[in-house]
Amino acid sequence: MGRGPGKGGALSEGDLLTLVAITGTPGTGKTSVAAELRSRGYEVVDLAEHIRSHGLLGDLDEERDTREVDLDLLNDSLEEYRGKGGLTFLEGHLSHYMDCSAIVVLRCEPRILAERLRARGYAEPKVRENVQSEILDVILCEAADTDIPVYEIDCTSASVGTCADGVLAAAEGRGEGLLPGRTDWSSEVDEW
């Protein structure tokens, strides 16, 4: 699996950012971290809400129990946030597909992730799909395959505030300790 800071390398302190993606497998803490950033006065775009409000939901994939989204249309619909100055966070498990300045992938230990998803009422096949995705670094690998700097934060036991601090550090070019490769759940693959 390709690990590294994305093909774009790491950011340097002082780099001008406009959009920073906060992504990760469902249940890793994106919404909680986004709410914390919002409470600190940062602009955060909830991609799920943005998709609904802009009529970007596609057909239902019944096998996976999810709706399709045209990523090009979604990316185009975010143009209003680009170049307006200031820092805007894109929160959602599709945000790493968008044109942005940096990608922060939130991670969670598989057993804890499964508990969180079950508490949300996810069906067992959906729990298994998402846990396997987390174990196999699917979103991290997708992000690392871009030309955008990538960071990862293990949110398993860290407080929401600590995770938000990490996102800000990455966004401000102080994310040297958050480069991908520190989180590895691969030893748990046989359990799922």
N, C-alpha and C. Protein backbone atom coordinates (compact mmCIF):
# COMPACT_ATOMS: atom_id res chain seq x y z
N MET A 1 0.83 -1.18 0.00
CA MET A 1 0.00 0.00 0.00
C MET A 1 0.87 1.24 0.00
N GLY A 2 0.49 2.19 -0.81
CA GLY A 2 1.26 3.42 -0.87
C GLY A 2 1.03 4.28 0.34
N ARG A 3 2.06 4.56 1.06
CA ARG A 3 1.96 5.46 2.20
C ARG A 3 2.89 6.63 1.96
N GLY A 4 2.52 7.74 2.45
CA GLY A 4 3.35 8.91 2.31
C GLY A 4 2.48 10.14 2.35
N PRO A 5 3.06 11.30 2.24
CA PRO A 5 2.31 12.52 2.39
C PRO A 5 1.53 12.92 1.14
N GLY A 6 1.22 11.98 0.26
CA GLY A 6 0.60 12.34 -1.00
C GLY A 6 1.69 12.78 -1.95
N LYS A 7 1.39 12.77 -3.20
CA LYS A 7 2.40 13.13 -4.19
C LYS A 7 2.80 14.60 -4.07
N GLY A 8 1.94 15.38 -3.41
CA GLY A 8 2.22 16.80 -3.26
C GLY A 8 3.17 17.13 -2.14
N GLY A 9 3.56 16.15 -1.33
CA GLY A 9 4.46 16.40 -0.21
C GLY A 9 3.74 17.08 0.93
N ALA A 10 4.48 17.49 1.92
CA ALA A 10 3.92 18.15 3.09
C ALA A 10 3.83 19.65 2.85
N LEU A 11 2.95 20.29 3.60
CA LEU A 11 2.85 21.74 3.54
C LEU A 11 3.97 22.36 4.36
N SER A 12 4.28 23.59 4.05
CA SER A 12 5.24 24.35 4.85
C SER A 12 4.46 25.41 5.62
N GLU A 13 4.94 25.74 6.80
CA GLU A 13 4.28 26.76 7.59
C GLU A 13 4.20 28.03 6.76
N GLY A 14 3.02 28.63 6.74
CA GLY A 14 2.82 29.85 5.98
C GLY A 14 2.23 29.63 4.59
N ASP A 15 2.12 28.37 4.14
CA ASP A 15 1.48 28.12 2.85
C ASP A 15 0.05 28.64 2.91
N LEU A 16 -0.41 29.26 1.82
CA LEU A 16 -1.76 29.81 1.75
C LEU A 16 -2.74 28.69 1.42
N LEU A 17 -3.68 28.46 2.30
CA LEU A 17 -4.68 27.42 2.09
C LEU A 17 -6.05 28.04 1.94
N THR A 18 -6.89 27.38 1.17
CA THR A 18 -8.28 27.81 1.08
C THR A 18 -9.20 26.70 1.55
N LEU A 19 -9.10 25.52 0.96
CA LEU A 19 -9.95 24.39 1.33
C LEU A 19 -9.11 23.26 1.89
N VAL A 20 -9.52 22.75 3.04
CA VAL A 20 -8.85 21.60 3.65
C VAL A 20 -9.90 20.52 3.86
N ALA A 21 -9.64 19.34 3.31
CA ALA A 21 -10.57 18.22 3.44
C ALA A 21 -10.36 17.51 4.76
N ILE A 22 -11.47 17.23 5.45
CA ILE A 22 -11.46 16.37 6.64
C ILE A 22 -12.24 15.14 6.23
N THR A 23 -11.54 14.03 6.09
CA THR A 23 -12.15 12.82 5.56
C THR A 23 -11.84 11.63 6.46
N GLY A 24 -12.38 10.51 6.11
CA GLY A 24 -12.16 9.29 6.87
C GLY A 24 -13.36 8.38 6.73
N THR A 25 -13.17 7.15 7.12
CA THR A 25 -14.26 6.18 7.12
C THR A 25 -15.39 6.69 8.00
N PRO A 26 -16.66 6.43 7.66
CA PRO A 26 -17.74 6.83 8.56
C PRO A 26 -17.49 6.32 9.98
N GLY A 27 -17.70 7.21 10.96
CA GLY A 27 -17.52 6.84 12.35
C GLY A 27 -16.17 7.21 12.95
N THR A 28 -15.28 7.80 12.16
CA THR A 28 -13.95 8.12 12.68
C THR A 28 -13.90 9.44 13.45
N GLY A 29 -14.93 10.27 13.34
CA GLY A 29 -14.96 11.51 14.11
C GLY A 29 -15.05 12.78 13.30
N LYS A 30 -15.31 12.68 12.01
CA LYS A 30 -15.34 13.86 11.14
C LYS A 30 -16.34 14.90 11.62
N THR A 31 -17.56 14.48 11.92
CA THR A 31 -18.61 15.42 12.30
C THR A 31 -18.28 16.09 13.63
N SER A 32 -17.76 15.33 14.58
CA SER A 32 -17.40 15.90 15.88
C SER A 32 -16.26 16.91 15.75
N VAL A 33 -15.25 16.57 14.98
CA VAL A 33 -14.12 17.48 14.78
C VAL A 33 -14.59 18.73 14.03
N ALA A 34 -15.45 18.54 13.03
CA ALA A 34 -15.98 19.68 12.29
C ALA A 34 -16.77 20.61 13.20
N ALA A 35 -17.58 20.04 14.09
CA ALA A 35 -18.35 20.86 15.03
C ALA A 35 -17.42 21.65 15.95
N GLU A 36 -16.33 21.03 16.38
CA GLU A 36 -15.35 21.73 17.23
C GLU A 36 -14.71 22.89 16.46
N LEU A 37 -14.34 22.65 15.21
CA LEU A 37 -13.74 23.72 14.40
C LEU A 37 -14.75 24.84 14.18
N ARG A 38 -16.00 24.49 13.93
CA ARG A 38 -17.05 25.49 13.75
C ARG A 38 -17.20 26.32 15.03
N SER A 39 -17.15 25.65 16.19
CA SER A 39 -17.30 26.37 17.47
C SER A 39 -16.13 27.33 17.72
N ARG A 40 -15.01 27.08 17.05
CA ARG A 40 -13.85 27.96 17.17
C ARG A 40 -13.88 29.08 16.12
N GLY A 41 -14.94 29.13 15.34
CA GLY A 41 -15.11 30.22 14.38
C GLY A 41 -14.68 29.92 12.96
N TYR A 42 -14.32 28.70 12.67
CA TYR A 42 -13.90 28.34 11.31
C TYR A 42 -15.12 27.97 10.47
N GLU A 43 -15.02 28.25 9.18
CA GLU A 43 -16.07 27.85 8.25
C GLU A 43 -15.88 26.38 7.90
N VAL A 44 -16.96 25.62 8.04
CA VAL A 44 -16.93 24.19 7.75
C VAL A 44 -18.11 23.87 6.84
N VAL A 45 -17.83 23.22 5.72
CA VAL A 45 -18.88 22.78 4.80
C VAL A 45 -19.15 21.31 5.06
N ASP A 46 -20.37 21.00 5.47
CA ASP A 46 -20.82 19.62 5.64
C ASP A 46 -21.15 19.11 4.24
N LEU A 47 -20.29 18.26 3.68
CA LEU A 47 -20.49 17.83 2.29
C LEU A 47 -21.80 17.08 2.09
N ALA A 48 -22.23 16.29 3.07
CA ALA A 48 -23.50 15.56 2.92
C ALA A 48 -24.65 16.55 2.77
N GLU A 49 -24.67 17.58 3.60
CA GLU A 49 -25.72 18.60 3.51
C GLU A 49 -25.59 19.39 2.21
N HIS A 50 -24.37 19.73 1.83
CA HIS A 50 -24.12 20.46 0.59
C HIS A 50 -24.64 19.65 -0.61
N ILE A 51 -24.38 18.36 -0.61
CA ILE A 51 -24.85 17.49 -1.69
C ILE A 51 -26.37 17.51 -1.76
N ARG A 52 -27.03 17.38 -0.61
CA ARG A 52 -28.50 17.39 -0.59
C ARG A 52 -29.04 18.74 -1.05
N SER A 53 -28.50 19.83 -0.49
CA SER A 53 -29.05 21.15 -0.79
C SER A 53 -28.79 21.60 -2.22
N HIS A 54 -27.80 21.01 -2.88
CA HIS A 54 -27.50 21.36 -4.26
C HIS A 54 -28.03 20.32 -5.25
N GLY A 55 -28.86 19.39 -4.77
CA GLY A 55 -29.49 18.40 -5.64
C GLY A 55 -28.50 17.48 -6.34
N LEU A 56 -27.44 17.09 -5.65
CA LEU A 56 -26.38 16.29 -6.27
C LEU A 56 -26.47 14.80 -5.97
N LEU A 57 -27.52 14.38 -5.25
CA LEU A 57 -27.67 12.96 -4.95
C LEU A 57 -28.11 12.21 -6.20
N GLY A 58 -27.43 11.12 -6.49
CA GLY A 58 -27.75 10.31 -7.66
C GLY A 58 -28.62 9.13 -7.29
N ASP A 59 -28.51 8.09 -8.10
CA ASP A 59 -29.32 6.89 -7.93
C ASP A 59 -28.89 6.10 -6.70
N LEU A 60 -29.82 5.30 -6.19
CA LEU A 60 -29.54 4.43 -5.05
C LEU A 60 -28.83 3.18 -5.52
N ASP A 61 -27.71 2.89 -4.88
CA ASP A 61 -27.00 1.62 -5.07
C ASP A 61 -27.55 0.70 -3.99
N GLU A 62 -28.55 -0.12 -4.35
CA GLU A 62 -29.25 -0.94 -3.36
C GLU A 62 -28.33 -1.97 -2.71
N GLU A 63 -27.39 -2.50 -3.46
CA GLU A 63 -26.48 -3.51 -2.91
C GLU A 63 -25.65 -2.95 -1.77
N ARG A 64 -25.20 -1.70 -1.91
CA ARG A 64 -24.35 -1.07 -0.89
C ARG A 64 -25.14 -0.12 0.01
N ASP A 65 -26.44 0.03 -0.25
CA ASP A 65 -27.31 0.89 0.54
C ASP A 65 -26.75 2.31 0.65
N THR A 66 -26.44 2.87 -0.51
CA THR A 66 -25.89 4.23 -0.55
C THR A 66 -26.32 4.91 -1.85
N ARG A 67 -26.29 6.23 -1.84
CA ARG A 67 -26.64 6.99 -3.04
C ARG A 67 -25.37 7.41 -3.75
N GLU A 68 -25.40 7.40 -5.07
CA GLU A 68 -24.25 7.80 -5.87
C GLU A 68 -24.18 9.33 -5.95
N VAL A 69 -22.97 9.84 -6.12
CA VAL A 69 -22.74 11.28 -6.25
C VAL A 69 -21.77 11.49 -7.40
N ASP A 70 -22.10 12.42 -8.30
CA ASP A 70 -21.19 12.79 -9.38
C ASP A 70 -20.11 13.70 -8.77
N LEU A 71 -18.91 13.17 -8.63
CA LEU A 71 -17.84 13.91 -7.95
C LEU A 71 -17.41 15.15 -8.71
N ASP A 72 -17.47 15.13 -10.03
CA ASP A 72 -17.12 16.32 -10.81
C ASP A 72 -18.11 17.45 -10.55
N LEU A 73 -19.41 17.11 -10.53
CA LEU A 73 -20.42 18.13 -10.24
C LEU A 73 -20.26 18.65 -8.81
N LEU A 74 -19.98 17.76 -7.89
CA LEU A 74 -19.76 18.17 -6.50
C LEU A 74 -18.58 19.12 -6.41
N ASN A 75 -17.48 18.76 -7.04
CA ASN A 75 -16.29 19.61 -7.02
C ASN A 75 -16.60 20.99 -7.60
N ASP A 76 -17.30 21.02 -8.74
CA ASP A 76 -17.66 22.30 -9.37
C ASP A 76 -18.55 23.14 -8.44
N SER A 77 -19.43 22.49 -7.69
CA SER A 77 -20.36 23.22 -6.83
C SER A 77 -19.66 23.88 -5.64
N LEU A 78 -18.42 23.53 -5.39
CA LEU A 78 -17.66 24.11 -4.28
C LEU A 78 -16.86 25.35 -4.68
N GLU A 79 -17.00 25.76 -5.92
CA GLU A 79 -16.21 26.89 -6.44
C GLU A 79 -16.39 28.16 -5.60
N GLU A 80 -17.57 28.34 -5.04
CA GLU A 80 -17.84 29.54 -4.23
C GLU A 80 -16.90 29.66 -3.02
N TYR A 81 -16.32 28.55 -2.58
CA TYR A 81 -15.43 28.57 -1.42
C TYR A 81 -13.96 28.76 -1.79
N ARG A 82 -13.65 28.63 -3.07
CA ARG A 82 -12.25 28.73 -3.50
C ARG A 82 -11.89 30.19 -3.76
N GLY A 83 -10.77 30.59 -3.28
CA GLY A 83 -10.27 31.92 -3.58
C GLY A 83 -10.97 33.04 -2.85
N LYS A 84 -11.86 32.74 -1.92
CA LYS A 84 -12.56 33.82 -1.22
C LYS A 84 -11.78 34.33 -0.03
N GLY A 85 -10.65 33.69 0.24
CA GLY A 85 -9.83 34.11 1.36
C GLY A 85 -10.24 33.37 2.63
N GLY A 86 -9.30 33.20 3.49
CA GLY A 86 -9.58 32.47 4.72
C GLY A 86 -9.54 30.97 4.51
N LEU A 87 -9.76 30.28 5.57
CA LEU A 87 -9.66 28.83 5.59
C LEU A 87 -11.05 28.22 5.71
N THR A 88 -11.36 27.30 4.82
CA THR A 88 -12.63 26.58 4.86
C THR A 88 -12.33 25.09 4.91
N PHE A 89 -13.03 24.38 5.78
CA PHE A 89 -12.88 22.93 5.89
C PHE A 89 -14.04 22.25 5.19
N LEU A 90 -13.73 21.18 4.46
CA LEU A 90 -14.74 20.34 3.82
C LEU A 90 -14.83 19.06 4.63
N GLU A 91 -15.98 18.81 5.25
CA GLU A 91 -16.12 17.63 6.10
C GLU A 91 -16.99 16.59 5.42
N GLY A 92 -16.43 15.41 5.24
CA GLY A 92 -17.19 14.30 4.68
C GLY A 92 -16.28 13.25 4.09
N HIS A 93 -16.80 12.03 3.98
CA HIS A 93 -15.95 10.94 3.52
C HIS A 93 -15.67 10.98 2.02
N LEU A 94 -16.21 11.99 1.31
CA LEU A 94 -15.88 12.21 -0.10
C LEU A 94 -14.98 13.42 -0.29
N SER A 95 -14.67 14.13 0.78
CA SER A 95 -13.95 15.40 0.65
C SER A 95 -12.56 15.25 0.04
N HIS A 96 -11.94 14.09 0.20
CA HIS A 96 -10.59 13.90 -0.35
C HIS A 96 -10.59 13.80 -1.87
N TYR A 97 -11.76 13.70 -2.48
CA TYR A 97 -11.87 13.69 -3.94
C TYR A 97 -11.96 15.11 -4.51
N MET A 98 -12.11 16.11 -3.65
CA MET A 98 -12.30 17.48 -4.10
C MET A 98 -10.95 18.17 -4.28
N ASP A 99 -10.95 19.23 -5.12
CA ASP A 99 -9.76 20.05 -5.29
C ASP A 99 -9.59 20.87 -4.01
N CYS A 100 -8.56 20.57 -3.25
CA CYS A 100 -8.33 21.26 -1.99
C CYS A 100 -6.84 21.42 -1.76
N SER A 101 -6.48 22.13 -0.70
CA SER A 101 -5.08 22.43 -0.41
C SER A 101 -4.39 21.35 0.40
N ALA A 102 -5.15 20.65 1.23
CA ALA A 102 -4.61 19.59 2.08
C ALA A 102 -5.73 18.63 2.43
N ILE A 103 -5.35 17.40 2.76
CA ILE A 103 -6.31 16.37 3.15
C ILE A 103 -5.89 15.84 4.51
N VAL A 104 -6.84 15.84 5.45
CA VAL A 104 -6.61 15.25 6.77
C VAL A 104 -7.53 14.05 6.89
N VAL A 105 -6.94 12.86 7.04
CA VAL A 105 -7.69 11.62 7.15
C VAL A 105 -7.79 11.26 8.63
N LEU A 106 -9.02 11.20 9.14
CA LEU A 106 -9.23 10.78 10.52
C LEU A 106 -9.33 9.27 10.57
N ARG A 107 -8.72 8.66 11.59
CA ARG A 107 -8.64 7.20 11.70
C ARG A 107 -9.24 6.76 13.03
N CYS A 108 -9.65 5.50 13.10
CA CYS A 108 -10.19 4.93 14.33
C CYS A 108 -9.92 3.43 14.36
N GLU A 109 -9.54 2.93 15.52
CA GLU A 109 -9.28 1.51 15.71
C GLU A 109 -10.54 0.72 15.33
N PRO A 110 -10.41 -0.35 14.55
CA PRO A 110 -11.56 -1.07 13.99
C PRO A 110 -12.62 -1.51 15.00
N ARG A 111 -12.24 -2.03 16.14
CA ARG A 111 -13.22 -2.49 17.12
C ARG A 111 -14.08 -1.32 17.62
N ILE A 112 -13.43 -0.21 17.91
CA ILE A 112 -14.15 0.99 18.36
C ILE A 112 -15.02 1.53 17.24
N LEU A 113 -14.49 1.53 16.02
CA LEU A 113 -15.27 1.99 14.87
C LEU A 113 -16.54 1.16 14.72
N ALA A 114 -16.42 -0.16 14.83
CA ALA A 114 -17.59 -1.04 14.72
C ALA A 114 -18.63 -0.69 15.79
N GLU A 115 -18.17 -0.45 17.02
CA GLU A 115 -19.09 -0.08 18.10
C GLU A 115 -19.83 1.22 17.77
N ARG A 116 -19.09 2.20 17.25
CA ARG A 116 -19.71 3.48 16.90
C ARG A 116 -20.76 3.31 15.80
N LEU A 117 -20.44 2.51 14.79
CA LEU A 117 -21.36 2.33 13.67
C LEU A 117 -22.60 1.54 14.10
N ARG A 118 -22.42 0.54 14.94
CA ARG A 118 -23.58 -0.22 15.46
C ARG A 118 -24.47 0.70 16.29
N ALA A 119 -23.87 1.58 17.08
CA ALA A 119 -24.64 2.52 17.89
C ALA A 119 -25.46 3.47 17.02
N ARG A 120 -25.00 3.71 15.80
CA ARG A 120 -25.74 4.55 14.85
C ARG A 120 -26.83 3.76 14.12
N GLY A 121 -26.86 2.46 14.34
CA GLY A 121 -27.88 1.64 13.70
C GLY A 121 -27.49 1.09 12.34
N TYR A 122 -26.20 1.09 12.03
CA TYR A 122 -25.75 0.53 10.76
C TYR A 122 -26.02 -0.98 10.75
N ALA A 123 -26.46 -1.49 9.60
CA ALA A 123 -26.63 -2.93 9.42
C ALA A 123 -25.26 -3.60 9.46
N GLU A 124 -25.22 -4.85 9.90
CA GLU A 124 -23.94 -5.54 10.07
C GLU A 124 -23.10 -5.59 8.79
N PRO A 125 -23.70 -5.82 7.59
CA PRO A 125 -22.87 -5.79 6.38
C PRO A 125 -22.21 -4.43 6.14
N LYS A 126 -22.92 -3.35 6.49
CA LYS A 126 -22.37 -2.00 6.33
C LYS A 126 -21.27 -1.75 7.37
N VAL A 127 -21.46 -2.26 8.57
CA VAL A 127 -20.42 -2.15 9.60
C VAL A 127 -19.16 -2.84 9.10
N ARG A 128 -19.32 -4.07 8.62
CA ARG A 128 -18.17 -4.85 8.14
C ARG A 128 -17.47 -4.15 6.98
N GLU A 129 -18.25 -3.62 6.02
CA GLU A 129 -17.66 -2.92 4.87
C GLU A 129 -16.82 -1.74 5.32
N ASN A 130 -17.34 -0.95 6.25
CA ASN A 130 -16.61 0.23 6.71
C ASN A 130 -15.40 -0.13 7.56
N VAL A 131 -15.51 -1.14 8.40
CA VAL A 131 -14.37 -1.57 9.21
C VAL A 131 -13.27 -2.12 8.31
N GLN A 132 -13.65 -2.91 7.32
CA GLN A 132 -12.64 -3.43 6.38
C GLN A 132 -11.97 -2.29 5.62
N SER A 133 -12.74 -1.29 5.25
CA SER A 133 -12.18 -0.12 4.57
C SER A 133 -11.14 0.57 5.46
N GLU A 134 -11.45 0.69 6.75
CA GLU A 134 -10.52 1.32 7.69
C GLU A 134 -9.26 0.47 7.85
N ILE A 135 -9.42 -0.83 8.00
CA ILE A 135 -8.27 -1.73 8.17
C ILE A 135 -7.34 -1.65 6.96
N LEU A 136 -7.93 -1.59 5.78
CA LEU A 136 -7.15 -1.61 4.54
C LEU A 136 -6.68 -0.22 4.09
N ASP A 137 -6.90 0.79 4.92
CA ASP A 137 -6.44 2.16 4.62
C ASP A 137 -7.03 2.70 3.32
N VAL A 138 -8.25 2.31 2.97
CA VAL A 138 -8.81 2.68 1.67
C VAL A 138 -8.80 4.19 1.46
N ILE A 139 -9.36 4.94 2.39
CA ILE A 139 -9.43 6.39 2.19
C ILE A 139 -8.04 7.01 2.24
N LEU A 140 -7.19 6.55 3.13
CA LEU A 140 -5.82 7.06 3.19
C LEU A 140 -5.11 6.82 1.86
N CYS A 141 -5.25 5.63 1.30
CA CYS A 141 -4.59 5.32 0.03
C CYS A 141 -5.16 6.17 -1.11
N GLU A 142 -6.48 6.37 -1.12
CA GLU A 142 -7.07 7.23 -2.14
C GLU A 142 -6.52 8.65 -2.02
N ALA A 143 -6.43 9.14 -0.80
CA ALA A 143 -5.90 10.49 -0.58
C ALA A 143 -4.44 10.58 -0.98
N ALA A 144 -3.66 9.56 -0.62
CA ALA A 144 -2.22 9.57 -0.93
C ALA A 144 -1.95 9.46 -2.42
N ASP A 145 -2.95 9.06 -3.19
CA ASP A 145 -2.80 8.94 -4.64
C ASP A 145 -3.06 10.27 -5.35
N THR A 146 -3.25 11.33 -4.60
CA THR A 146 -3.47 12.66 -5.18
C THR A 146 -2.16 13.43 -5.17
N ASP A 147 -2.20 14.63 -5.70
CA ASP A 147 -1.05 15.54 -5.65
C ASP A 147 -1.19 16.52 -4.49
N ILE A 148 -1.99 16.17 -3.51
CA ILE A 148 -2.32 17.05 -2.40
C ILE A 148 -1.64 16.52 -1.13
N PRO A 149 -1.07 17.40 -0.30
CA PRO A 149 -0.49 16.94 0.96
C PRO A 149 -1.53 16.23 1.83
N VAL A 150 -1.13 15.10 2.42
CA VAL A 150 -2.03 14.27 3.21
C VAL A 150 -1.48 14.11 4.63
N TYR A 151 -2.38 14.16 5.59
CA TYR A 151 -2.06 13.97 7.00
C TYR A 151 -3.06 12.98 7.58
N GLU A 152 -2.69 12.30 8.67
CA GLU A 152 -3.64 11.40 9.33
C GLU A 152 -3.59 11.60 10.83
N ILE A 153 -4.76 11.47 11.44
CA ILE A 153 -4.90 11.63 12.89
C ILE A 153 -5.68 10.44 13.42
N ASP A 154 -5.11 9.74 14.40
CA ASP A 154 -5.81 8.64 15.06
C ASP A 154 -6.72 9.23 16.12
N CYS A 155 -8.02 9.15 15.88
CA CYS A 155 -9.03 9.73 16.78
C CYS A 155 -9.63 8.69 17.72
N THR A 156 -9.04 7.52 17.80
CA THR A 156 -9.61 6.44 18.62
C THR A 156 -9.83 6.88 20.06
N SER A 157 -8.82 7.40 20.70
CA SER A 157 -8.95 7.77 22.11
C SER A 157 -8.61 9.24 22.37
N ALA A 158 -8.23 9.97 21.35
CA ALA A 158 -7.92 11.39 21.51
C ALA A 158 -9.21 12.18 21.67
N SER A 159 -9.15 13.26 22.42
CA SER A 159 -10.33 14.11 22.57
C SER A 159 -10.65 14.81 21.26
N VAL A 160 -11.88 15.26 21.13
CA VAL A 160 -12.28 16.00 19.93
C VAL A 160 -11.43 17.25 19.79
N GLY A 161 -11.16 17.93 20.90
CA GLY A 161 -10.33 19.13 20.85
C GLY A 161 -8.92 18.85 20.37
N THR A 162 -8.35 17.76 20.82
CA THR A 162 -7.00 17.37 20.38
C THR A 162 -6.99 17.06 18.89
N CYS A 163 -8.02 16.36 18.42
CA CYS A 163 -8.11 16.05 16.99
C CYS A 163 -8.28 17.33 16.17
N ALA A 164 -9.10 18.26 16.66
CA ALA A 164 -9.28 19.53 15.96
C ALA A 164 -7.96 20.31 15.94
N ASP A 165 -7.22 20.28 17.03
CA ASP A 165 -5.90 20.92 17.06
C ASP A 165 -4.99 20.32 15.99
N GLY A 166 -5.05 19.00 15.82
CA GLY A 166 -4.25 18.34 14.79
C GLY A 166 -4.63 18.77 13.40
N VAL A 167 -5.93 18.88 13.15
CA VAL A 167 -6.40 19.34 11.84
C VAL A 167 -5.88 20.75 11.57
N LEU A 168 -5.96 21.62 12.57
CA LEU A 168 -5.46 22.99 12.40
C LEU A 168 -3.95 23.00 12.18
N ALA A 169 -3.23 22.16 12.90
CA ALA A 169 -1.77 22.09 12.70
C ALA A 169 -1.45 21.71 11.26
N ALA A 170 -2.16 20.73 10.74
CA ALA A 170 -1.94 20.32 9.34
C ALA A 170 -2.28 21.46 8.40
N ALA A 171 -3.40 22.13 8.65
CA ALA A 171 -3.85 23.22 7.78
C ALA A 171 -2.89 24.40 7.81
N GLU A 172 -2.18 24.56 8.91
CA GLU A 172 -1.25 25.69 9.06
C GLU A 172 0.19 25.31 8.72
N GLY A 173 0.39 24.12 8.17
CA GLY A 173 1.73 23.71 7.78
C GLY A 173 2.59 23.23 8.93
N ARG A 174 1.95 22.87 10.05
CA ARG A 174 2.68 22.37 11.22
C ARG A 174 2.37 20.90 11.47
N GLY A 175 2.13 20.14 10.41
CA GLY A 175 1.69 18.76 10.56
C GLY A 175 2.76 17.71 10.36
N GLU A 176 4.01 18.06 10.64
CA GLU A 176 5.11 17.09 10.42
C GLU A 176 4.87 15.78 11.16
N GLY A 177 4.31 15.84 12.36
CA GLY A 177 4.05 14.64 13.15
C GLY A 177 2.79 13.91 12.75
N LEU A 178 2.11 14.40 11.72
CA LEU A 178 0.85 13.82 11.28
C LEU A 178 0.94 13.19 9.90
N LEU A 179 2.15 13.01 9.41
CA LEU A 179 2.29 12.41 8.08
C LEU A 179 1.84 10.95 8.13
N PRO A 180 1.27 10.47 7.04
CA PRO A 180 0.73 9.10 7.01
C PRO A 180 1.79 8.04 7.30
N GLY A 181 1.32 6.93 7.84
CA GLY A 181 2.19 5.80 8.08
C GLY A 181 2.29 5.39 9.53
N ARG A 182 1.73 6.19 10.43
CA ARG A 182 1.82 5.87 11.86
C ARG A 182 0.69 4.95 12.31
N THR A 183 -0.39 4.90 11.55
CA THR A 183 -1.56 4.11 11.93
C THR A 183 -1.62 2.87 11.05
N ASP A 184 -1.69 1.70 11.69
CA ASP A 184 -1.72 0.45 10.93
C ASP A 184 -2.61 -0.56 11.64
N TRP A 185 -3.76 -0.83 11.03
CA TRP A 185 -4.70 -1.80 11.60
C TRP A 185 -4.63 -3.14 10.87
N SER A 186 -3.67 -3.34 9.99
CA SER A 186 -3.65 -4.52 9.12
C SER A 186 -3.62 -5.85 9.89
N SER A 187 -3.12 -5.86 11.11
CA SER A 187 -3.09 -7.11 11.88
C SER A 187 -4.49 -7.59 12.25
N GLU A 188 -5.49 -6.73 12.10
CA GLU A 188 -6.86 -7.09 12.45
C GLU A 188 -7.69 -7.56 11.26
N VAL A 189 -7.09 -7.65 10.09
CA VAL A 189 -7.84 -7.97 8.89
C VAL A 189 -8.55 -9.32 8.98
N ASP A 190 -7.94 -10.30 9.61
CA ASP A 190 -8.56 -11.63 9.69
C ASP A 190 -9.78 -11.67 10.60
N GLU A 191 -9.90 -10.71 11.49
CA GLU A 191 -11.05 -10.66 12.40
C GLU A 191 -12.32 -10.20 11.69
N TRP A 192 -12.17 -9.58 10.52
CA TRP A 192 -13.32 -9.01 9.82
C TRP A 192 -13.51 -9.66 8.48
